[in-house]
Amino acid sequence: MGTQTGALIGAVFAGLALLSLGLVCWQWWAGLRFPLHRRRTGPVKGAGVTLFKPLKGCDETTERCLRSWFKQDYPGPVQVLLGVADPADAVCDIVRRLLVLHPEADAQLVFCGGADGANAKVAQLSRLHPLARHELLVVSDADVRVPPDFLANVVPLLEDPEVGLVSCFYRQANPATLAMQWEALAVNADFWSQVLQARSLKALDFALGAVMALRRGPLEEIGGFNALRDCLADDFQLGRRLARRGYRLELATVVAECWSGPQTWGEVWKHQVRWARTIRVSRPVPYFFSLLSNGTLWPLVWAAVQPSLPVLALAACCWTWRIVTALHLQSLMNVSGDPQGSAPARGRGGPRPWERLVPGLLLVPVKDLLGAAVWLAAFLGNHIEWGGRSLVIRADGTLEAERQAG
């Protein structure tokens, strides 16, 4: 009986290991098929665009990120609305300096204090929305830097009236610490290819929040930003509500970059858990089964419960393929933002691919195992820390301030 039970358990974990291998191959195939970094050719109509930039705090990367939006090679008018909740926020000095350096820009610093809603970003967007002068709207996070042809590649996708929203993929551009390298691998290898994997099953019904482009009309059909003011996953909800109204959601091929100052393990862990809990409340069933695609965990468990030379050899093959595909997907993402999309993302004298191989051999399995821990943590509570605030996620995915004891 014991032998039969052991064989059954071994067979179950062998199946899980092979399933994870198959899902890894599917993820890799989905990433290969997408024309990442491809640039638009031909003239751009240049319809007017209003950019919403909600801001809070700053670091050494903030000014260059904001400056990239002032240097867009786009033929149409661009209005830039930079929202800040607190006039004493240090980011205001950076914004004022940019306004002086770019007097030709149609840009404005807007104080959004007193806006309602548990989601502080959406509260700022609700205040900025009435100030928009153009039909086309772009929402971008504070830490996003874009190439000069970004708008010229994203905005034309909205010319089709059936398209309700355009998102773009993004990469973590400056992983300065080991903890940030873990997160960068999760974003630059796994996240974008998993989105494409999901899209190969059905049409996209959620948005990616780093940069979103949409038209004013469809936004107002769903109640504007104010309808999302208490939502944790405002980007997910925005995309879902537009998709439910029959609009198509598109992915641009141009890539944005996310920059931030050095972060510790604790800071990265909190961010990963917040992100995981966001996905868990937004897509609970897919998130629960997402652990099946962990290409390190299941071969490791299989080798642990059925330790034999053939099993170890097969598990090693699974691990090797997982590492190879993850590093390849990361290399596809880590391409520079030049118009041809052909130059590597490293500067002169930077590390070459083979110089990243040894760290990658270790980081991929470590990332997968830490990812399993994050997956578990997503189900162990509804508390998150976001923007210096302690919040609780309700069952419907909305937020409320955490109640203080006593």
Protein backbone atom coordinates (compact mmCIF):
# COMPACT_ATOMS: atom_id res chain seq x y z
CA MET A 1 0.00 0.00 0.00
CA GLY A 2 2.81 2.33 0.93
CA THR A 3 4.64 1.59 -2.31
CA GLN A 4 1.48 2.19 -4.34
CA THR A 5 0.82 5.46 -2.50
CA GLY A 6 4.39 6.60 -3.07
CA ALA A 7 4.14 5.75 -6.76
CA LEU A 8 0.86 7.65 -7.03
CA ILE A 9 2.31 10.71 -5.32
CA GLY A 10 5.36 10.53 -7.57
CA ALA A 11 3.13 10.30 -10.64
CA VAL A 12 1.11 13.33 -9.52
CA PHE A 13 4.19 15.49 -9.06
CA ALA A 14 5.71 14.16 -12.28
CA GLY A 15 2.55 15.34 -14.03
CA LEU A 16 2.77 18.74 -12.35
CA ALA A 17 6.43 19.07 -13.36
CA LEU A 18 5.64 18.23 -16.99
CA LEU A 19 2.62 20.54 -16.93
CA SER A 20 4.78 23.41 -15.69
CA LEU A 21 7.25 22.64 -18.47
CA GLY A 22 4.46 22.79 -21.03
CA LEU A 23 3.18 26.10 -19.65
CA VAL A 24 6.70 27.54 -19.71
CA CYS A 25 7.02 26.54 -23.37
CA TRP A 26 3.64 28.13 -24.15
CA GLN A 27 4.64 31.33 -22.38
CA TRP A 28 7.91 31.45 -24.33
CA TRP A 29 6.12 30.80 -27.63
CA ALA A 30 3.59 33.58 -26.93
CA GLY A 31 6.43 36.01 -26.23
CA LEU A 32 8.28 35.06 -29.42
CA ARG A 33 5.24 35.72 -31.60
CA PHE A 34 4.61 39.27 -30.37
CA PRO A 35 6.40 42.01 -32.40
CA LEU A 36 7.94 43.64 -29.33
CA HIS A 37 9.71 46.97 -30.01
CA ARG A 38 8.40 47.19 -33.58
CA ARG A 39 7.96 50.84 -34.63
CA ARG A 40 5.20 52.39 -36.71
CA THR A 41 6.12 53.57 -40.20
CA GLY A 42 4.36 56.27 -42.20
CA PRO A 43 2.81 59.60 -41.24
CA VAL A 44 0.91 60.19 -38.01
CA LYS A 45 -2.27 62.31 -38.03
CA GLY A 46 -1.35 64.04 -34.79
CA ALA A 47 -4.68 64.31 -32.99
CA GLY A 48 -4.56 66.32 -29.76
CA VAL A 49 -3.54 64.41 -26.63
CA THR A 50 -3.88 65.21 -22.94
CA LEU A 51 -1.40 63.45 -20.65
CA PHE A 52 -2.36 62.83 -17.01
CA LYS A 53 0.62 62.42 -14.72
CA PRO A 54 -0.36 61.79 -11.06
CA LEU A 55 2.68 62.36 -8.83
CA LYS A 56 3.71 61.74 -5.25
CA GLY A 57 7.26 61.99 -3.96
CA CYS A 58 10.43 61.76 -6.03
CA ASP A 59 13.85 60.19 -6.27
CA GLU A 60 16.93 60.64 -8.44
CA THR A 61 15.16 59.15 -11.49
CA THR A 62 11.99 61.27 -11.39
CA GLU A 63 13.19 64.27 -13.39
CA ARG A 64 14.45 62.23 -16.33
CA CYS A 65 11.22 60.23 -16.38
CA LEU A 66 9.10 63.37 -16.50
CA ARG A 67 11.41 65.05 -19.03
CA SER A 68 10.86 62.20 -21.51
CA TRP A 69 7.22 63.30 -21.83
CA PHE A 70 8.29 66.87 -22.63
CA LYS A 71 10.44 65.63 -25.51
CA GLN A 72 7.89 63.70 -27.57
CA ASP A 73 8.40 63.70 -31.33
CA TYR A 74 4.69 63.96 -32.02
CA PRO A 75 3.08 66.23 -34.64
CA GLY A 76 -0.10 67.05 -32.74
CA PRO A 77 -0.74 69.22 -29.65
CA VAL A 78 0.09 67.63 -26.30
CA GLN A 79 -1.31 68.96 -23.04
CA VAL A 80 0.52 67.76 -19.91
CA LEU A 81 -1.32 67.86 -16.57
CA LEU A 82 0.90 67.02 -13.61
CA GLY A 83 -1.15 66.35 -10.50
CA VAL A 84 0.15 66.60 -6.93
CA ALA A 85 -1.93 66.17 -3.78
CA ASP A 86 0.35 68.13 -1.43
CA PRO A 87 1.85 71.51 -2.45
CA ALA A 88 4.77 70.78 -0.12
CA ASP A 89 5.70 67.59 -2.01
CA ALA A 90 9.32 67.71 -3.17
CA VAL A 91 8.27 66.66 -6.67
CA CYS A 92 6.75 70.13 -7.15
CA ASP A 93 10.25 71.64 -7.39
CA ILE A 94 11.12 69.22 -10.19
CA VAL A 95 7.92 70.02 -12.06
CA ARG A 96 8.43 73.77 -11.75
CA ARG A 97 12.00 73.41 -13.05
CA LEU A 98 10.77 71.46 -16.07
CA LEU A 99 8.10 74.06 -16.77
CA VAL A 100 10.80 76.74 -16.84
CA LEU A 101 13.07 74.65 -19.06
CA HIS A 102 10.22 73.92 -21.49
CA PRO A 103 8.23 77.16 -21.86
CA GLU A 104 6.93 75.96 -25.22
CA ALA A 105 5.14 73.01 -23.58
CA ASP A 106 1.42 73.15 -22.84
CA ALA A 107 2.00 71.90 -19.30
CA GLN A 108 0.51 72.69 -15.91
CA LEU A 109 1.10 71.73 -12.28
CA VAL A 110 -2.27 70.98 -10.67
CA PHE A 111 -2.86 70.63 -6.94
CA CYS A 112 -5.35 67.84 -6.33
CA GLY A 113 -5.67 67.93 -2.56
CA GLY A 114 -8.97 66.98 -1.03
CA ALA A 115 -9.94 64.57 -3.79
CA ASP A 116 -12.18 61.74 -2.63
CA GLY A 117 -11.45 58.02 -2.87
CA ALA A 118 -9.31 55.33 -1.29
CA ASN A 119 -7.19 55.04 -4.44
CA ALA A 120 -5.03 58.18 -4.28
CA LYS A 121 -3.90 57.90 -7.91
CA VAL A 122 -7.48 57.73 -9.22
CA ALA A 123 -8.48 60.58 -6.91
CA GLN A 124 -5.89 62.76 -8.66
CA LEU A 125 -7.05 61.59 -12.09
CA SER A 126 -10.61 62.58 -11.18
CA ARG A 127 -9.40 66.12 -10.48
CA LEU A 128 -7.30 66.29 -13.65
CA HIS A 129 -9.97 64.93 -16.00
CA PRO A 130 -12.13 68.10 -16.18
CA LEU A 131 -9.05 70.12 -17.20
CA ALA A 132 -8.36 67.99 -20.29
CA ARG A 133 -8.81 69.87 -23.56
CA HIS A 134 -8.37 66.95 -25.95
CA GLU A 135 -10.39 63.87 -26.83
CA LEU A 136 -7.43 61.50 -26.57
CA LEU A 137 -6.18 60.84 -23.04
CA VAL A 138 -2.99 59.18 -21.83
CA VAL A 139 -2.48 58.12 -18.20
CA SER A 140 1.06 57.38 -17.04
CA ASP A 141 2.61 56.45 -13.71
CA ALA A 142 5.19 58.79 -12.23
CA ASP A 143 8.15 56.41 -12.64
CA VAL A 144 7.65 55.81 -16.38
CA ARG A 145 10.17 56.99 -18.97
CA VAL A 146 9.34 56.69 -22.66
CA PRO A 147 11.22 57.04 -25.97
CA PRO A 148 10.65 60.18 -28.09
CA ASP A 149 8.40 58.33 -30.56
CA PHE A 150 6.17 56.82 -27.90
CA LEU A 151 3.01 58.84 -28.57
CA ALA A 152 3.53 58.53 -32.32
CA ASN A 153 3.35 54.75 -31.94
CA VAL A 154 0.54 54.49 -29.39
CA VAL A 155 -1.98 57.16 -30.40
CA PRO A 156 -2.66 55.89 -33.98
CA LEU A 157 -4.06 52.66 -32.52
CA LEU A 158 -6.99 54.70 -31.18
CA GLU A 159 -8.01 55.79 -34.69
CA ASP A 160 -10.12 52.63 -34.87
CA PRO A 161 -13.40 53.50 -33.09
CA GLU A 162 -13.72 49.89 -31.90
CA VAL A 163 -10.53 50.25 -29.85
CA GLY A 164 -11.38 51.49 -26.38
CA LEU A 165 -7.94 51.45 -24.76
CA VAL A 166 -4.29 50.89 -25.63
CA SER A 167 -1.77 49.59 -23.11
CA CYS A 168 1.92 48.95 -23.50
CA PHE A 169 4.38 46.61 -21.88
CA TYR A 170 7.03 48.03 -19.60
CA ARG A 171 10.37 46.90 -18.27
CA GLN A 172 12.20 47.53 -15.03
CA ALA A 173 15.13 49.52 -16.37
CA ASN A 174 17.49 50.03 -13.42
CA PRO A 175 17.53 47.10 -10.98
CA ALA A 176 20.20 48.57 -8.71
CA THR A 177 19.99 45.99 -5.93
CA LEU A 178 19.68 42.20 -5.84
CA ALA A 179 16.11 42.51 -4.62
CA MET A 180 15.29 44.78 -7.58
CA GLN A 181 16.92 42.26 -9.93
CA TRP A 182 14.51 39.65 -8.62
CA GLU A 183 11.56 41.92 -9.36
CA ALA A 184 13.01 42.96 -12.72
CA LEU A 185 13.25 39.33 -13.82
CA ALA A 186 9.61 38.79 -12.81
CA VAL A 187 8.56 41.80 -14.91
CA ASN A 188 11.00 41.66 -17.82
CA ALA A 189 10.70 37.91 -18.45
CA ASP A 190 7.47 36.59 -16.97
CA PHE A 191 4.87 39.32 -16.73
CA TRP A 192 4.62 40.42 -20.35
CA SER A 193 4.81 36.90 -21.74
CA GLN A 194 2.12 35.71 -19.30
CA VAL A 195 -0.16 38.53 -20.48
CA LEU A 196 0.35 37.32 -24.05
CA GLN A 197 -0.24 33.76 -22.90
CA ALA A 198 -3.60 34.82 -21.45
CA ARG A 199 -4.41 36.76 -24.63
CA SER A 200 -3.86 33.65 -26.72
CA LEU A 201 -6.87 32.12 -24.92
CA LYS A 202 -9.26 35.04 -25.20
CA ALA A 203 -9.38 38.72 -26.10
CA LEU A 204 -7.67 41.05 -23.67
CA ASP A 205 -10.10 42.34 -21.03
CA PHE A 206 -7.79 44.27 -18.71
CA ALA A 207 -5.34 47.14 -19.02
CA LEU A 208 -1.71 47.52 -17.96
CA GLY A 209 -1.43 50.57 -15.76
CA ALA A 210 2.05 51.95 -16.48
CA VAL A 211 0.74 53.77 -19.56
CA MET A 212 -2.86 53.68 -20.84
CA ALA A 213 -4.25 55.60 -23.82
CA LEU A 214 -7.98 55.99 -24.40
CA ARG A 215 -10.64 58.33 -25.71
CA ARG A 216 -12.71 60.62 -23.54
CA GLY A 217 -16.04 59.25 -24.85
CA PRO A 218 -15.62 55.61 -23.80
CA LEU A 219 -14.18 56.72 -20.45
CA GLU A 220 -17.24 58.82 -19.73
CA GLU A 221 -19.50 55.94 -20.77
CA ILE A 222 -18.26 53.95 -17.78
CA GLY A 223 -18.58 56.89 -15.37
CA GLY A 224 -15.13 58.43 -15.75
CA PHE A 225 -12.27 57.99 -13.31
CA ASN A 226 -14.61 58.76 -10.44
CA ALA A 227 -16.21 55.32 -10.89
CA LEU A 228 -12.84 53.74 -10.03
CA ARG A 229 -11.92 55.89 -7.04
CA ASP A 230 -12.11 53.07 -4.47
CA CYS A 231 -10.76 50.25 -6.69
CA LEU A 232 -7.41 48.69 -5.89
CA ALA A 233 -6.80 47.51 -9.48
CA ASP A 234 -7.97 50.65 -11.26
CA ASP A 235 -6.19 49.67 -14.50
CA PHE A 236 -7.79 46.22 -14.47
CA GLN A 237 -11.23 47.64 -13.77
CA LEU A 238 -10.86 50.34 -16.43
CA GLY A 239 -9.99 47.76 -19.07
CA ARG A 240 -12.65 45.30 -17.95
CA ARG A 241 -15.45 47.89 -17.97
CA LEU A 242 -14.51 49.09 -21.44
CA ALA A 243 -14.31 45.49 -22.70
CA ARG A 244 -17.76 44.76 -21.28
CA ARG A 245 -19.14 47.68 -23.29
CA GLY A 246 -17.84 46.03 -26.44
CA TYR A 247 -14.59 47.95 -26.94
CA ARG A 248 -11.43 46.15 -28.01
CA LEU A 249 -8.28 46.51 -25.92
CA GLU A 250 -4.98 46.68 -27.79
CA LEU A 251 -1.33 46.26 -26.89
CA ALA A 252 1.18 48.64 -28.41
CA THR A 253 4.50 47.17 -29.51
CA VAL A 254 6.55 50.08 -28.14
CA VAL A 255 7.87 49.53 -24.60
CA ALA A 256 7.98 51.96 -21.69
CA GLU A 257 10.57 51.89 -18.91
CA CYS A 258 10.03 52.03 -15.16
CA TRP A 259 12.78 53.67 -13.11
CA SER A 260 13.13 53.96 -9.36
CA GLY A 261 15.69 54.59 -6.67
CA PRO A 262 17.42 51.67 -4.88
CA GLN A 263 15.01 49.45 -2.95
CA THR A 264 15.61 46.97 -0.14
CA TRP A 265 14.33 43.40 0.09
CA GLY A 266 11.58 44.57 2.42
CA GLU A 267 10.39 47.26 0.02
CA VAL A 268 10.41 44.91 -2.96
CA TRP A 269 8.62 42.22 -0.95
CA LYS A 270 5.84 44.65 0.03
CA HIS A 271 5.47 45.73 -3.59
CA GLN A 272 5.32 42.14 -4.82
CA VAL A 273 2.73 41.16 -2.21
CA ARG A 274 0.60 44.21 -3.03
CA TRP A 275 0.79 43.36 -6.71
CA ALA A 276 -0.03 39.69 -6.00
CA ARG A 277 -3.04 40.58 -3.87
CA THR A 278 -4.18 42.99 -6.57
CA ILE A 279 -4.15 40.20 -9.15
CA ARG A 280 -5.71 37.74 -6.71
CA VAL A 281 -8.77 39.92 -6.07
CA SER A 282 -9.04 40.85 -9.76
CA ARG A 283 -8.67 37.38 -11.27
CA PRO A 284 -8.95 34.88 -8.38
CA VAL A 285 -9.28 31.65 -10.38
CA PRO A 286 -6.49 32.33 -12.92
CA TYR A 287 -4.26 33.58 -10.11
CA PHE A 288 -4.85 30.44 -8.04
CA PHE A 289 -3.85 28.21 -10.95
CA SER A 290 -0.90 30.43 -11.93
CA LEU A 291 1.28 28.45 -9.53
CA LEU A 292 1.08 25.54 -11.95
CA SER A 293 3.40 27.40 -14.34
CA ASN A 294 6.21 27.64 -11.76
CA GLY A 295 8.95 25.90 -13.71
CA THR A 296 11.29 25.53 -10.73
CA LEU A 297 8.93 24.54 -7.92
CA TRP A 298 7.24 21.45 -9.35
CA PRO A 299 10.35 19.70 -10.72
CA LEU A 300 11.98 20.40 -7.34
CA VAL A 301 9.08 18.84 -5.43
CA TRP A 302 9.04 15.88 -7.82
CA ALA A 303 12.76 15.28 -7.27
CA ALA A 304 12.26 15.56 -3.49
CA VAL A 305 9.41 13.04 -3.25
CA GLN A 306 10.84 10.58 -5.78
CA PRO A 307 14.63 10.92 -5.58
CA SER A 308 16.15 8.73 -8.27
CA LEU A 309 18.70 9.30 -10.98
CA PRO A 310 16.17 9.34 -13.86
CA VAL A 311 13.89 11.74 -11.98
CA LEU A 312 16.80 14.04 -11.09
CA ALA A 313 17.92 14.02 -14.73
CA LEU A 314 14.44 14.91 -16.00
CA ALA A 315 14.03 17.58 -13.32
CA ALA A 316 17.38 19.06 -14.32
CA CYS A 317 16.18 19.25 -17.93
CA CYS A 318 13.05 21.10 -16.78
CA TRP A 319 15.14 23.54 -14.75
CA THR A 320 17.55 24.12 -17.63
CA TRP A 321 14.75 24.86 -20.07
CA ARG A 322 13.07 27.17 -17.57
CA ILE A 323 16.28 29.17 -17.13
CA VAL A 324 16.97 29.35 -20.86
CA THR A 325 13.48 30.55 -21.74
CA ALA A 326 13.33 33.09 -18.89
CA LEU A 327 16.68 34.62 -19.84
CA HIS A 328 15.68 34.67 -23.50
CA LEU A 329 12.38 36.44 -22.75
CA GLN A 330 14.26 38.93 -20.59
CA SER A 331 16.72 39.58 -23.42
CA LEU A 332 13.82 40.23 -25.81
CA MET A 333 12.40 42.81 -23.43
CA ASN A 334 15.74 44.45 -22.68
CA VAL A 335 16.11 46.11 -26.05
CA SER A 336 16.69 49.83 -26.28
CA GLY A 337 14.02 52.30 -27.32
CA ASP A 338 15.71 53.34 -30.57
CA PRO A 339 13.27 53.73 -33.49
CA GLN A 340 14.46 50.57 -35.21
CA GLY A 341 14.23 48.51 -32.04
CA SER A 342 17.48 46.76 -32.87
CA ALA A 343 20.13 48.00 -30.46
CA PRO A 344 20.77 46.21 -27.17
CA ALA A 345 19.76 48.00 -24.00
CA ARG A 346 23.29 48.16 -22.65
CA GLY A 347 25.50 51.15 -23.07
CA ARG A 348 29.07 51.11 -24.27
CA GLY A 349 31.11 49.00 -21.89
CA GLY A 350 28.00 47.44 -20.28
CA PRO A 351 27.66 43.74 -19.49
CA ARG A 352 27.29 41.37 -22.41
CA PRO A 353 24.75 38.55 -22.45
CA TRP A 354 27.22 35.87 -21.40
CA GLU A 355 28.34 38.03 -18.48
CA ARG A 356 24.75 37.90 -17.19
CA LEU A 357 24.48 34.13 -17.62
CA VAL A 358 25.93 32.97 -14.28
CA PRO A 359 23.84 35.38 -12.17
CA GLY A 360 20.82 34.40 -14.25
CA LEU A 361 21.40 30.70 -13.64
CA LEU A 362 20.95 31.39 -9.93
CA LEU A 363 18.41 34.20 -10.08
CA VAL A 364 15.77 32.41 -12.16
CA PRO A 365 15.21 29.51 -9.71
CA VAL A 366 15.47 31.87 -6.73
CA LYS A 367 12.90 34.15 -8.36
CA ASP A 368 10.55 31.20 -8.95
CA LEU A 369 10.78 29.99 -5.37
CA LEU A 370 10.29 33.49 -3.99
CA GLY A 371 7.38 33.83 -6.40
CA ALA A 372 5.78 30.76 -4.82
CA ALA A 373 6.14 32.43 -1.41
CA VAL A 374 4.55 35.62 -2.78
CA TRP A 375 1.72 33.54 -4.28
CA LEU A 376 1.02 32.06 -0.85
CA ALA A 377 1.25 35.46 0.87
CA ALA A 378 -1.41 36.78 -1.51
CA PHE A 379 -3.95 34.46 0.13
CA LEU A 380 -2.85 35.09 3.73
CA GLY A 381 -4.33 38.54 4.20
CA ASN A 382 -6.13 41.52 2.74
CA HIS A 383 -3.80 44.21 4.06
CA ILE A 384 -1.56 46.22 1.75
CA GLU A 385 0.77 49.19 2.12
CA TRP A 386 0.54 51.68 -0.72
CA GLY A 387 1.92 55.19 -0.95
CA GLY A 388 2.64 55.30 2.78
CA ARG A 389 -0.93 54.28 3.67
CA SER A 390 -2.20 51.07 5.28
CA LEU A 391 -5.26 49.80 3.41
CA VAL A 392 -7.56 46.81 3.51
CA ILE A 393 -8.94 45.11 0.40
CA ARG A 394 -12.64 44.38 0.58
CA ALA A 395 -14.12 41.24 -0.98
CA ASP A 396 -15.23 43.21 -4.05
CA GLY A 397 -11.72 44.55 -4.71
CA THR A 398 -12.34 48.03 -3.35
CA LEU A 399 -10.20 49.65 -0.66
CA GLU A 400 -10.74 51.11 2.75
CA ALA A 401 -8.36 52.65 5.26
CA GLU A 402 -7.13 50.19 7.87
CA ARG A 403 -8.85 50.71 11.18
CA GLN A 404 -6.52 51.57 14.04
CA ALA A 405 -6.72 49.50 17.22
CA GLY A 406 -8.25 51.25 20.21
